[in-house]
């Protein structure tokens, strides 16, 4: 089991000496989900992100060929974030994307 935990740093220029020591523990309800995509909203009061997974609904035809007439979009988890946290997650993801792009570019050259 992988015990590596990535900490999302808040994007603020404040002094780190005023930030208390953080102990990271897993909730008894902690779970890992997989998502095909996400959608959400950023309103005046908060950010909202809903993760989903798409599952094809199989149909067995008379000739024993399986097809699918539609997808079932199953909502996996909904997050509500403050504006500051929403922006922090956006910045954190952007930094990781840039690092990955650099690695791919270096590998291709």
PDB file of N, CA and C in Angstrom:
ATOM      1  N   UNK A   1       0.835  -1.183   0.000  1.00  0.00           N
ATOM      2  CA  UNK A   1       0.000   0.000   0.000  1.00  0.00           C
ATOM      3  C   UNK A   1       0.881   1.247   0.000  1.00  0.00           C
ATOM      4  N   UNK A   2       0.582   2.172  -0.880  1.00  0.00           N
ATOM      5  CA  UNK A   2       1.351   3.412  -0.993  1.00  0.00           C
ATOM      6  C   UNK A   2       0.960   4.349   0.142  1.00  0.00           C
ATOM      7  N   UNK A   3       1.942   4.780   0.925  1.00  0.00           N
ATOM      8  CA  UNK A   3       1.652   5.672   2.049  1.00  0.00           C
ATOM      9  C   UNK A   3       2.097   7.096   1.765  1.00  0.00           C
ATOM     10  N   UNK A   4       2.455   7.392   0.513  1.00  0.00           N
ATOM     11  CA  UNK A   4       2.875   8.741   0.155  1.00  0.00           C
ATOM     12  C   UNK A   4       1.671   9.668   0.174  1.00  0.00           C
ATOM     13  N   UNK A   5       1.815  10.799   0.833  1.00  0.00           N
ATOM     14  CA  UNK A   5       0.740  11.781   0.909  1.00  0.00           C
ATOM     15  C   UNK A   5       1.267  13.094   0.357  1.00  0.00           C
ATOM     16  N   UNK A   6       0.547  13.667  -0.583  1.00  0.00           N
ATOM     17  CA  UNK A   6       0.913  14.959  -1.143  1.00  0.00           C
ATOM     18  C   UNK A   6       0.143  16.033  -0.406  1.00  0.00           C
ATOM     19  N   UNK A   7       0.844  17.018   0.088  1.00  0.00           N
ATOM     20  CA  UNK A   7       0.213  18.110   0.809  1.00  0.00           C
ATOM     21  C   UNK A   7       0.019  19.268  -0.153  1.00  0.00           C
ATOM     22  N   UNK A   8      -1.186  19.801  -0.203  1.00  0.00           N
ATOM     23  CA  UNK A   8      -1.456  20.970  -1.032  1.00  0.00           C
ATOM     24  C   UNK A   8      -1.078  22.193  -0.236  1.00  0.00           C
ATOM     25  N   UNK A   9      -0.096  22.931  -0.752  1.00  0.00           N
ATOM     26  CA  UNK A   9       0.337  24.137  -0.071  1.00  0.00           C
ATOM     27  C   UNK A   9      -0.611  25.266  -0.438  1.00  0.00           C
ATOM     28  N   UNK A  10      -0.962  26.080   0.542  1.00  0.00           N
ATOM     29  CA  UNK A  10      -1.784  27.246   0.260  1.00  0.00           C
ATOM     30  C   UNK A  10      -0.916  28.269  -0.453  1.00  0.00           C
ATOM     31  N   UNK A  11      -1.437  28.885  -1.476  1.00  0.00           N
ATOM     32  CA  UNK A  11      -0.697  29.877  -2.252  1.00  0.00           C
ATOM     33  C   UNK A  11      -0.861  31.243  -1.614  1.00  0.00           C
ATOM     34  N   UNK A  12      -0.072  31.492  -0.596  1.00  0.00           N
ATOM     35  CA  UNK A  12      -0.129  32.798   0.048  1.00  0.00           C
ATOM     36  C   UNK A  12       1.280  33.203   0.456  1.00  0.00           C
ATOM     37  N   UNK A  13       1.572  34.491   0.403  1.00  0.00           N
ATOM     38  CA  UNK A  13       2.917  34.964   0.725  1.00  0.00           C
ATOM     39  C   UNK A  13       3.163  35.123   2.230  1.00  0.00           C
ATOM     40  N   UNK A  14       2.244  34.629   3.047  1.00  0.00           N
ATOM     41  CA  UNK A  14       2.377  34.801   4.484  1.00  0.00           C
ATOM     42  C   UNK A  14       3.575  34.028   5.027  1.00  0.00           C
ATOM     43  N   UNK A  15       4.041  34.454   6.181  1.00  0.00           N
ATOM     44  CA  UNK A  15       5.170  33.785   6.831  1.00  0.00           C
ATOM     45  C   UNK A  15       4.784  32.379   7.246  1.00  0.00           C
ATOM     46  N   UNK A  16       5.694  31.431   7.048  1.00  0.00           N
ATOM     47  CA  UNK A  16       5.402  30.057   7.433  1.00  0.00           C
ATOM     48  C   UNK A  16       5.533  29.857   8.938  1.00  0.00           C
ATOM     49  N   UNK A  17       6.192  30.770   9.640  1.00  0.00           N
ATOM     50  CA  UNK A  17       6.355  30.607  11.089  1.00  0.00           C
ATOM     51  C   UNK A  17       5.020  30.724  11.816  1.00  0.00           C
ATOM     52  N   UNK A  18       4.032  31.361  11.193  1.00  0.00           N
ATOM     53  CA  UNK A  18       2.724  31.504  11.843  1.00  0.00           C
ATOM     54  C   UNK A  18       1.802  30.316  11.571  1.00  0.00           C
ATOM     55  N   UNK A  19       2.242  29.389  10.704  1.00  0.00           N
ATOM     56  CA  UNK A  19       1.428  28.218  10.387  1.00  0.00           C
ATOM     57  C   UNK A  19       1.749  27.117  11.388  1.00  0.00           C
ATOM     58  N   UNK A  20       0.731  26.580  12.067  1.00  0.00           N
ATOM     59  CA  UNK A  20       1.003  25.523  13.055  1.00  0.00           C
ATOM     60  C   UNK A  20       1.444  24.220  12.388  1.00  0.00           C
ATOM     61  N   UNK A  21       2.140  23.398  13.143  1.00  0.00           N
ATOM     62  CA  UNK A  21       2.574  22.085  12.668  1.00  0.00           C
ATOM     63  C   UNK A  21       1.323  21.291  12.286  1.00  0.00           C
ATOM     64  N   UNK A  22       1.369  20.612  11.151  1.00  0.00           N
ATOM     65  CA  UNK A  22       0.210  19.871  10.663  1.00  0.00           C
ATOM     66  C   UNK A  22       0.485  18.381  10.747  1.00  0.00           C
ATOM     67  N   UNK A  23      -0.423  17.670  11.374  1.00  0.00           N
ATOM     68  CA  UNK A  23      -0.356  16.218  11.441  1.00  0.00           C
ATOM     69  C   UNK A  23      -1.380  15.671  10.465  1.00  0.00           C
ATOM     70  N   UNK A  24      -0.953  14.798   9.569  1.00  0.00           N
ATOM     71  CA  UNK A  24      -1.856  14.249   8.564  1.00  0.00           C
ATOM     72  C   UNK A  24      -2.277  12.851   8.986  1.00  0.00           C
ATOM     73  N   UNK A  25      -3.591  12.656   9.109  1.00  0.00           N
ATOM     74  CA  UNK A  25      -4.151  11.344   9.439  1.00  0.00           C
ATOM     75  C   UNK A  25      -5.259  11.040   8.440  1.00  0.00           C
ATOM     76  N   UNK A  26      -5.571   9.773   8.251  1.00  0.00           N
ATOM     77  CA  UNK A  26      -6.659   9.372   7.367  1.00  0.00           C
ATOM     78  C   UNK A  26      -7.932   9.168   8.182  1.00  0.00           C
ATOM     79  N   UNK A  27      -9.025   9.694   7.665  1.00  0.00           N
ATOM     80  CA  UNK A  27     -10.337   9.484   8.264  1.00  0.00           C
ATOM     81  C   UNK A  27     -10.698   8.000   8.172  1.00  0.00           C
ATOM     82  N   UNK A  28     -11.462   7.475   9.114  1.00  0.00           N
ATOM     83  CA  UNK A  28     -11.930   6.088   8.984  1.00  0.00           C
ATOM     84  C   UNK A  28     -12.774   5.890   7.714  1.00  0.00           C
ATOM     85  N   UNK A  29     -13.352   6.973   7.189  1.00  0.00           N
ATOM     86  CA  UNK A  29     -14.177   6.902   5.983  1.00  0.00           C
ATOM     87  C   UNK A  29     -13.386   7.192   4.712  1.00  0.00           C
ATOM     88  N   UNK A  30     -12.067   7.336   4.812  1.00  0.00           N
ATOM     89  CA  UNK A  30     -11.231   7.658   3.652  1.00  0.00           C
ATOM     90  C   UNK A  30     -11.396   6.598   2.584  1.00  0.00           C
ATOM     91  N   UNK A  31     -11.532   7.043   1.310  1.00  0.00           N
ATOM     92  CA  UNK A  31     -11.601   6.092   0.209  1.00  0.00           C
ATOM     93  C   UNK A  31     -10.991   6.712  -1.027  1.00  0.00           C
ATOM     94  N   UNK A  32     -10.596   5.867  -1.943  1.00  0.00           N
ATOM     95  CA  UNK A  32     -10.044   6.290  -3.228  1.00  0.00           C
ATOM     96  C   UNK A  32     -11.137   6.102  -4.266  1.00  0.00           C
ATOM     97  N   UNK A  33     -11.341   7.122  -5.107  1.00  0.00           N
ATOM     98  CA  UNK A  33     -12.308   6.994  -6.194  1.00  0.00           C
ATOM     99  C   UNK A  33     -11.590   7.240  -7.513  1.00  0.00           C
ATOM    100  N   UNK A  34     -12.149   6.733  -8.581  1.00  0.00           N
ATOM    101  CA  UNK A  34     -11.660   7.000  -9.925  1.00  0.00           C
ATOM    102  C   UNK A  34     -12.727   7.812 -10.635  1.00  0.00           C
ATOM    103  N   UNK A  35     -12.309   8.705 -11.505  1.00  0.00           N
ATOM    104  CA  UNK A  35     -13.266   9.561 -12.193  1.00  0.00           C
ATOM    105  C   UNK A  35     -12.953   9.606 -13.684  1.00  0.00           C
ATOM    106  N   UNK A  36     -14.023   9.631 -14.487  1.00  0.00           N
ATOM    107  CA  UNK A  36     -13.900   9.841 -15.929  1.00  0.00           C
ATOM    108  C   UNK A  36     -13.834  11.326 -16.233  1.00  0.00           C
ATOM    109  N   UNK A  37     -14.386  12.125 -15.334  1.00  0.00           N
ATOM    110  CA  UNK A  37     -14.420  13.556 -15.559  1.00  0.00           C
ATOM    111  C   UNK A  37     -14.992  14.276 -14.355  1.00  0.00           C
ATOM    112  N   UNK A  38     -15.194  15.572 -14.536  1.00  0.00           N
ATOM    113  CA  UNK A  38     -15.752  16.377 -13.463  1.00  0.00           C
ATOM    114  C   UNK A  38     -16.467  17.580 -14.047  1.00  0.00           C
ATOM    115  N   UNK A  39     -17.333  18.145 -13.260  1.00  0.00           N
ATOM    116  CA  UNK A  39     -17.961  19.411 -13.599  1.00  0.00           C
ATOM    117  C   UNK A  39     -18.188  20.154 -12.300  1.00  0.00           C
ATOM    118  N   UNK A  40     -18.516  21.396 -12.394  1.00  0.00           N
ATOM    119  CA  UNK A  40     -18.710  22.150 -11.172  1.00  0.00           C
ATOM    120  C   UNK A  40     -19.090  23.584 -11.435  1.00  0.00           C
ATOM    121  N   UNK A  41     -18.904  24.384 -10.409  1.00  0.00           N
ATOM    122  CA  UNK A  41     -19.357  25.756 -10.441  1.00  0.00           C
ATOM    123  C   UNK A  41     -18.528  26.576  -9.463  1.00  0.00           C
ATOM    124  N   UNK A  42     -18.346  27.840  -9.782  1.00  0.00           N
ATOM    125  CA  UNK A  42     -17.732  28.774  -8.849  1.00  0.00           C
ATOM    126  C   UNK A  42     -18.712  29.929  -8.698  1.00  0.00           C
ATOM    127  N   UNK A  43     -19.314  30.022  -7.523  1.00  0.00           N
ATOM    128  CA  UNK A  43     -20.310  31.061  -7.270  1.00  0.00           C
ATOM    129  C   UNK A  43     -19.724  32.129  -6.355  1.00  0.00           C
ATOM    130  N   UNK A  44     -20.552  33.073  -5.960  1.00  0.00           N
ATOM    131  CA  UNK A  44     -20.099  34.121  -5.043  1.00  0.00           C
ATOM    132  C   UNK A  44     -19.763  33.574  -3.663  1.00  0.00           C
ATOM    133  N   UNK A  45     -20.340  32.426  -3.300  1.00  0.00           N
ATOM    134  CA  UNK A  45     -20.129  31.912  -1.947  1.00  0.00           C
ATOM    135  C   UNK A  45     -19.103  30.787  -1.844  1.00  0.00           C
ATOM    136  N   UNK A  46     -18.959  29.953  -2.916  1.00  0.00           N
ATOM    137  CA  UNK A  46     -18.039  28.820  -2.826  1.00  0.00           C
ATOM    138  C   UNK A  46     -17.803  28.192  -4.194  1.00  0.00           C
ATOM    139  N   UNK A  47     -16.841  27.287  -4.227  1.00  0.00           N
ATOM    140  CA  UNK A  47     -16.597  26.469  -5.409  1.00  0.00           C
ATOM    141  C   UNK A  47     -17.167  25.089  -5.180  1.00  0.00           C
ATOM    142  N   UNK A  48     -17.639  24.467  -6.242  1.00  0.00           N
ATOM    143  CA  UNK A  48     -18.222  23.132  -6.166  1.00  0.00           C
ATOM    144  C   UNK A  48     -17.644  22.299  -7.298  1.00  0.00           C
ATOM    145  N   UNK A  49     -17.195  21.088  -6.983  1.00  0.00           N
ATOM    146  CA  UNK A  49     -16.672  20.164  -7.987  1.00  0.00           C
ATOM    147  C   UNK A  49     -17.333  18.812  -7.763  1.00  0.00           C
ATOM    148  N   UNK A  50     -17.873  18.236  -8.829  1.00  0.00           N
ATOM    149  CA  UNK A  50     -18.479  16.904  -8.760  1.00  0.00           C
ATOM    150  C   UNK A  50     -17.695  15.986  -9.697  1.00  0.00           C
ATOM    151  N   UNK A  51     -17.175  14.902  -9.144  1.00  0.00           N
ATOM    152  CA  UNK A  51     -16.450  13.907  -9.924  1.00  0.00           C
ATOM    153  C   UNK A  51     -17.429  12.808 -10.341  1.00  0.00           C
ATOM    154  N   UNK A  52     -17.273  12.329 -11.590  1.00  0.00           N
ATOM    155  CA  UNK A  52     -18.163  11.273 -12.078  1.00  0.00           C
ATOM    156  C   UNK A  52     -17.376  10.215 -12.831  1.00  0.00           C
ATOM    157  N   UNK A  53     -18.027   9.076 -13.004  1.00  0.00           N
ATOM    158  CA  UNK A  53     -17.466   8.013 -13.848  1.00  0.00           C
ATOM    159  C   UNK A  53     -18.549   7.609 -14.836  1.00  0.00           C
ATOM    160  N   UNK A  54     -18.173   7.467 -16.107  1.00  0.00           N
ATOM    161  CA  UNK A  54     -19.113   7.037 -17.142  1.00  0.00           C
ATOM    162  C   UNK A  54     -19.023   5.534 -17.318  1.00  0.00           C
ATOM    163  N   UNK A  55     -20.185   4.903 -17.335  1.00  0.00           N
ATOM    164  CA  UNK A  55     -20.252   3.450 -17.520  1.00  0.00           C
ATOM    165  C   UNK A  55     -21.198   3.147 -18.679  1.00  0.00           C
ATOM    166  N   UNK A  56     -20.726   2.408 -19.687  1.00  0.00           N
ATOM    167  CA  UNK A  56     -21.638   2.036 -20.771  1.00  0.00           C
ATOM    168  C   UNK A  56     -22.685   1.048 -20.258  1.00  0.00           C
ATOM    169  N   UNK A  57     -23.899   1.166 -20.767  1.00  0.00           N
ATOM    170  CA  UNK A  57     -24.965   0.236 -20.401  1.00  0.00           C
ATOM    171  C   UNK A  57     -25.052  -0.808 -21.517  1.00  0.00           C
ATOM    172  N   UNK A  58     -24.580  -2.028 -21.262  1.00  0.00           N
ATOM    173  CA  UNK A  58     -24.521  -3.035 -22.333  1.00  0.00           C
ATOM    174  C   UNK A  58     -25.895  -3.614 -22.664  1.00  0.00           C
ATOM    175  N   UNK A  59     -26.060  -3.930 -23.950  1.00  0.00           N
ATOM    176  CA  UNK A  59     -27.257  -4.608 -24.445  1.00  0.00           C
ATOM    177  C   UNK A  59     -26.768  -5.780 -25.288  1.00  0.00           C
ATOM    178  N   UNK A  60     -27.352  -6.952 -25.047  1.00  0.00           N
ATOM    179  CA  UNK A  60     -26.966  -8.128 -25.814  1.00  0.00           C
ATOM    180  C   UNK A  60     -27.967  -8.285 -26.960  1.00  0.00           C
ATOM    181  N   UNK A  61     -27.471  -8.190 -28.197  1.00  0.00           N
ATOM    182  CA  UNK A  61     -28.324  -8.344 -29.375  1.00  0.00           C
ATOM    183  C   UNK A  61     -28.610  -9.824 -29.625  1.00  0.00           C
ATOM    184  N   UNK A  62     -29.557 -10.074 -30.525  1.00  0.00           N
ATOM    185  CA  UNK A  62     -29.941 -11.459 -30.831  1.00  0.00           C
ATOM    186  C   UNK A  62     -28.787 -12.278 -31.384  1.00  0.00           C
ATOM    187  N   UNK A  63     -27.847 -11.618 -32.076  1.00  0.00           N
ATOM    188  CA  UNK A  63     -26.707 -12.340 -32.652  1.00  0.00           C
ATOM    189  C   UNK A  63     -25.543 -12.451 -31.663  1.00  0.00           C
ATOM    190  N   UNK A  64     -25.833 -12.262 -30.377  1.00  0.00           N
ATOM    191  CA  UNK A  64     -24.851 -12.356 -29.295  1.00  0.00           C
ATOM    192  C   UNK A  64     -23.736 -11.320 -29.402  1.00  0.00           C
ATOM    193  N   UNK A  65     -24.041 -10.197 -30.009  1.00  0.00           N
ATOM    194  CA  UNK A  65     -23.100  -9.087 -30.075  1.00  0.00           C
ATOM    195  C   UNK A  65     -23.524  -8.059 -29.036  1.00  0.00           C
ATOM    196  N   UNK A  66     -22.569  -7.695 -28.205  1.00  0.00           N
ATOM    197  CA  UNK A  66     -22.873  -6.730 -27.143  1.00  0.00           C
ATOM    198  C   UNK A  66     -22.677  -5.314 -27.675  1.00  0.00           C
ATOM    199  N   UNK A  67     -23.659  -4.470 -27.456  1.00  0.00           N
ATOM    200  CA  UNK A  67     -23.576  -3.059 -27.839  1.00  0.00           C
ATOM    201  C   UNK A  67     -23.998  -2.210 -26.645  1.00  0.00           C
ATOM    202  N   UNK A  68     -23.922  -0.913 -26.836  1.00  0.00           N
ATOM    203  CA  UNK A  68     -24.354  -0.006 -25.774  1.00  0.00           C
ATOM    204  C   UNK A  68     -25.129   1.137 -26.408  1.00  0.00           C
ATOM    205  N   UNK A  69     -26.297   1.400 -25.873  1.00  0.00           N
ATOM    206  CA  UNK A  69     -27.121   2.466 -26.446  1.00  0.00           C
ATOM    207  C   UNK A  69     -26.902   3.796 -25.737  1.00  0.00           C
ATOM    208  N   UNK A  70     -26.356   3.741 -24.535  1.00  0.00           N
ATOM    209  CA  UNK A  70     -26.110   4.981 -23.800  1.00  0.00           C
ATOM    210  C   UNK A  70     -25.121   4.749 -22.658  1.00  0.00           C
ATOM    211  N   UNK A  71     -24.679   5.845 -22.092  1.00  0.00           N
ATOM    212  CA  UNK A  71     -23.788   5.796 -20.931  1.00  0.00           C
ATOM    213  C   UNK A  71     -24.580   6.125 -19.679  1.00  0.00           C
ATOM    214  N   UNK A  72     -24.166   5.520 -18.608  1.00  0.00           N
ATOM    215  CA  UNK A  72     -24.702   5.895 -17.301  1.00  0.00           C
ATOM    216  C   UNK A  72     -23.619   6.716 -16.617  1.00  0.00           C
ATOM    217  N   UNK A  73     -23.917   7.966 -16.278  1.00  0.00           N
ATOM    218  CA  UNK A  73     -22.954   8.845 -15.601  1.00  0.00           C
ATOM    219  C   UNK A  73     -23.231   8.759 -14.105  1.00  0.00           C
ATOM    220  N   UNK A  74     -22.314   8.126 -13.393  1.00  0.00           N
ATOM    221  CA  UNK A  74     -22.483   7.919 -11.958  1.00  0.00           C
ATOM    222  C   UNK A  74     -21.670   8.959 -11.198  1.00  0.00           C
ATOM    223  N   UNK A  75     -22.351   9.764 -10.396  1.00  0.00           N
ATOM    224  CA  UNK A  75     -21.669  10.778  -9.596  1.00  0.00           C
ATOM    225  C   UNK A  75     -20.961  10.091  -8.441  1.00  0.00           C
ATOM    226  N   UNK A  76     -19.667  10.372  -8.290  1.00  0.00           N
ATOM    227  CA  UNK A  76     -18.846   9.699  -7.290  1.00  0.00           C
ATOM    228  C   UNK A  76     -18.668  10.511  -6.007  1.00  0.00           C
ATOM    229  N   UNK A  77     -18.458  11.819  -6.168  1.00  0.00           N
ATOM    230  CA  UNK A  77     -18.154  12.633  -5.003  1.00  0.00           C
ATOM    231  C   UNK A  77     -18.376  14.098  -5.339  1.00  0.00           C
ATOM    232  N   UNK A  78     -18.854  14.856  -4.367  1.00  0.00           N
ATOM    233  CA  UNK A  78     -19.041  16.294  -4.532  1.00  0.00           C
ATOM    234  C   UNK A  78     -18.209  17.016  -3.484  1.00  0.00           C
ATOM    235  N   UNK A  79     -17.434  18.006  -3.933  1.00  0.00           N
ATOM    236  CA  UNK A  79     -16.601  18.811  -3.044  1.00  0.00           C
ATOM    237  C   UNK A  79     -17.120  20.241  -3.023  1.00  0.00           C
ATOM    238  N   UNK A  80     -17.131  20.838  -1.851  1.00  0.00           N
ATOM    239  CA  UNK A  80     -17.440  22.254  -1.711  1.00  0.00           C
ATOM    240  C   UNK A  80     -16.191  22.914  -1.140  1.00  0.00           C
ATOM    241  N   UNK A  81     -15.709  23.968  -1.809  1.00  0.00           N
ATOM    242  CA  UNK A  81     -14.448  24.605  -1.445  1.00  0.00           C
ATOM    243  C   UNK A  81     -14.649  26.105  -1.287  1.00  0.00           C
ATOM    244  N   UNK A  82     -13.880  26.689  -0.375  1.00  0.00           N
ATOM    245  CA  UNK A  82     -13.869  28.148  -0.285  1.00  0.00           C
ATOM    246  C   UNK A  82     -13.195  28.693  -1.540  1.00  0.00           C
ATOM    247  N   UNK A  83     -13.375  29.979  -1.807  1.00  0.00           N
ATOM    248  CA  UNK A  83     -12.709  30.588  -2.962  1.00  0.00           C
ATOM    249  C   UNK A  83     -11.199  30.418  -2.870  1.00  0.00           C
ATOM    250  N   UNK A  84     -10.627  30.673  -1.698  1.00  0.00           N
ATOM    251  CA  UNK A  84      -9.179  30.547  -1.528  1.00  0.00           C
ATOM    252  C   UNK A  84      -8.697  29.131  -1.815  1.00  0.00           C
ATOM    253  N   UNK A  85      -9.424  28.141  -1.326  1.00  0.00           N
ATOM    254  CA  UNK A  85      -9.031  26.752  -1.554  1.00  0.00           C
ATOM    255  C   UNK A  85      -9.194  26.381  -3.027  1.00  0.00           C
ATOM    256  N   UNK A  86     -10.267  26.850  -3.651  1.00  0.00           N
ATOM    257  CA  UNK A  86     -10.495  26.600  -5.075  1.00  0.00           C
ATOM    258  C   UNK A  86      -9.321  27.112  -5.899  1.00  0.00           C
ATOM    259  N   UNK A  87      -8.891  28.342  -5.625  1.00  0.00           N
ATOM    260  CA  UNK A  87      -7.760  28.953  -6.336  1.00  0.00           C
ATOM    261  C   UNK A  87      -6.469  28.204  -6.023  1.00  0.00           C
ATOM    262  N   UNK A  88      -6.280  27.805  -4.777  1.00  0.00           N
ATOM    263  CA  UNK A  88      -5.086  27.080  -4.382  1.00  0.00           C
ATOM    264  C   UNK A  88      -4.984  25.742  -5.118  1.00  0.00           C
ATOM    265  N   UNK A  89      -6.090  25.028  -5.233  1.00  0.00           N
ATOM    266  CA  UNK A  89      -6.103  23.750  -5.956  1.00  0.00           C
ATOM    267  C   UNK A  89      -5.792  23.986  -7.433  1.00  0.00           C
ATOM    268  N   UNK A  90      -6.382  25.018  -8.009  1.00  0.00           N
ATOM    269  CA  UNK A  90      -6.121  25.386  -9.408  1.00  0.00           C
ATOM    270  C   UNK A  90      -4.623  25.638  -9.619  1.00  0.00           C
ATOM    271  N   UNK A  91      -4.012  26.426  -8.755  1.00  0.00           N
ATOM    272  CA  UNK A  91      -2.579  26.734  -8.874  1.00  0.00           C
ATOM    273  C   UNK A  91      -1.720  25.494  -8.674  1.00  0.00           C
ATOM    274  N   UNK A  92      -2.071  24.677  -7.695  1.00  0.00           N
ATOM    275  CA  UNK A  92      -1.335  23.451  -7.406  1.00  0.00           C
ATOM    276  C   UNK A  92      -1.369  22.504  -8.607  1.00  0.00           C
ATOM    277  N   UNK A  93      -2.551  22.339  -9.199  1.00  0.00           N
ATOM    278  CA  UNK A  93      -2.677  21.467 -10.368  1.00  0.00           C
ATOM    279  C   UNK A  93      -1.879  22.030 -11.542  1.00  0.00           C
ATOM    280  N   UNK A  94      -1.930  23.347 -11.740  1.00  0.00           N
ATOM    281  CA  UNK A  94      -1.183  23.979 -12.822  1.00  0.00           C
ATOM    282  C   UNK A  94       0.310  23.754 -12.702  1.00  0.00           C
ATOM    283  N   UNK A  95       0.835  23.864 -11.466  1.00  0.00           N
ATOM    284  CA  UNK A  95       2.274  23.627 -11.263  1.00  0.00           C
ATOM    285  C   UNK A  95       2.643  22.188 -11.620  1.00  0.00           C
ATOM    286  N   UNK A  96       1.807  21.230 -11.217  1.00  0.00           N
ATOM    287  CA  UNK A  96       2.094  19.829 -11.513  1.00  0.00           C
ATOM    288  C   UNK A  96       1.992  19.540 -13.009  1.00  0.00           C
ATOM    289  N   UNK A  97       1.066  20.183 -13.688  1.00  0.00           N
ATOM    290  CA  UNK A  97       0.945  20.018 -15.137  1.00  0.00           C
ATOM    291  C   UNK A  97       2.190  20.553 -15.829  1.00  0.00           C
ATOM    292  N   UNK A  98       2.684  21.713 -15.403  1.00  0.00           N
ATOM    293  CA  UNK A  98       3.887  22.295 -16.012  1.00  0.00           C
ATOM    294  C   UNK A  98       5.105  21.401 -15.801  1.00  0.00           C
ATOM    295  N   UNK A  99       5.246  20.826 -14.615  1.00  0.00           N
ATOM    296  CA  UNK A  99       6.368  19.910 -14.343  1.00  0.00           C
ATOM    297  C   UNK A  99       6.275  18.691 -15.254  1.00  0.00           C
ATOM    298  N   UNK A 100       5.083  18.140 -15.409  1.00  0.00           N
ATOM    299  CA  UNK A 100       4.893  16.971 -16.266  1.00  0.00           C
ATOM    300  C   UNK A 100       5.187  17.315 -17.728  1.00  0.00           C
ATOM    301  N   UNK A 101       4.725  18.480 -18.190  1.00  0.00           N
ATOM    302  CA  UNK A 101       5.007  18.910 -19.572  1.00  0.00           C
ATOM    303  C   UNK A 101       6.509  19.002 -19.810  1.00  0.00           C
ATOM    304  N   UNK A 102       7.235  19.575 -18.839  1.00  0.00           N
ATOM    305  CA  UNK A 102       8.694  19.687 -18.971  1.00  0.00           C
ATOM    306  C   UNK A 102       9.346  18.310 -19.090  1.00  0.00           C
ATOM    307  N   UNK A 103       8.914  17.380 -18.253  1.00  0.00           N
ATOM    308  CA  UNK A 103       9.486  16.031 -18.286  1.00  0.00           C
ATOM    309  C   UNK A 103       9.229  15.377 -19.639  1.00  0.00           C
ATOM    310  N   UNK A 104       8.018  15.558 -20.174  1.00  0.00           N
ATOM    311  CA  UNK A 104       7.678  14.964 -21.466  1.00  0.00           C
ATOM    312  C   UNK A 104       8.509  15.600 -22.576  1.00  0.00           C
ATOM    313  N   UNK A 105       8.648  16.931 -22.548  1.00  0.00           N
ATOM    314  CA  UNK A 105       9.450  17.624 -23.551  1.00  0.00           C
ATOM    315  C   UNK A 105      10.907  17.186 -23.493  1.00  0.00           C
ATOM    316  N   UNK A 106      11.463  17.040 -22.286  1.00  0.00           N
ATOM    317  CA  UNK A 106      12.858  16.613 -22.140  1.00  0.00           C
ATOM    318  C   UNK A 106      13.029  15.174 -22.651  1.00  0.00           C
ATOM    319  N   UNK A 107      12.042  14.343 -22.423  1.00  0.00           N
ATOM    320  CA  UNK A 107      12.110  12.949 -22.879  1.00  0.00           C
ATOM    321  C   UNK A 107      12.061  12.876 -24.399  1.00  0.00           C
ATOM    322  N   UNK A 108      11.263  13.757 -25.023  1.00  0.00           N
ATOM    323  CA  UNK A 108      11.098  13.756 -26.484  1.00  0.00           C
ATOM    324  C   UNK A 108      12.280  14.365 -27.229  1.00  0.00           C
ATOM    325  N   UNK A 109      13.145  15.100 -26.522  1.00  0.00           N
ATOM    326  CA  UNK A 109      14.268  15.748 -27.222  1.00  0.00           C
ATOM    327  C   UNK A 109      15.529  14.943 -27.112  1.00  0.00           C
TER     328      UNK A 109
END
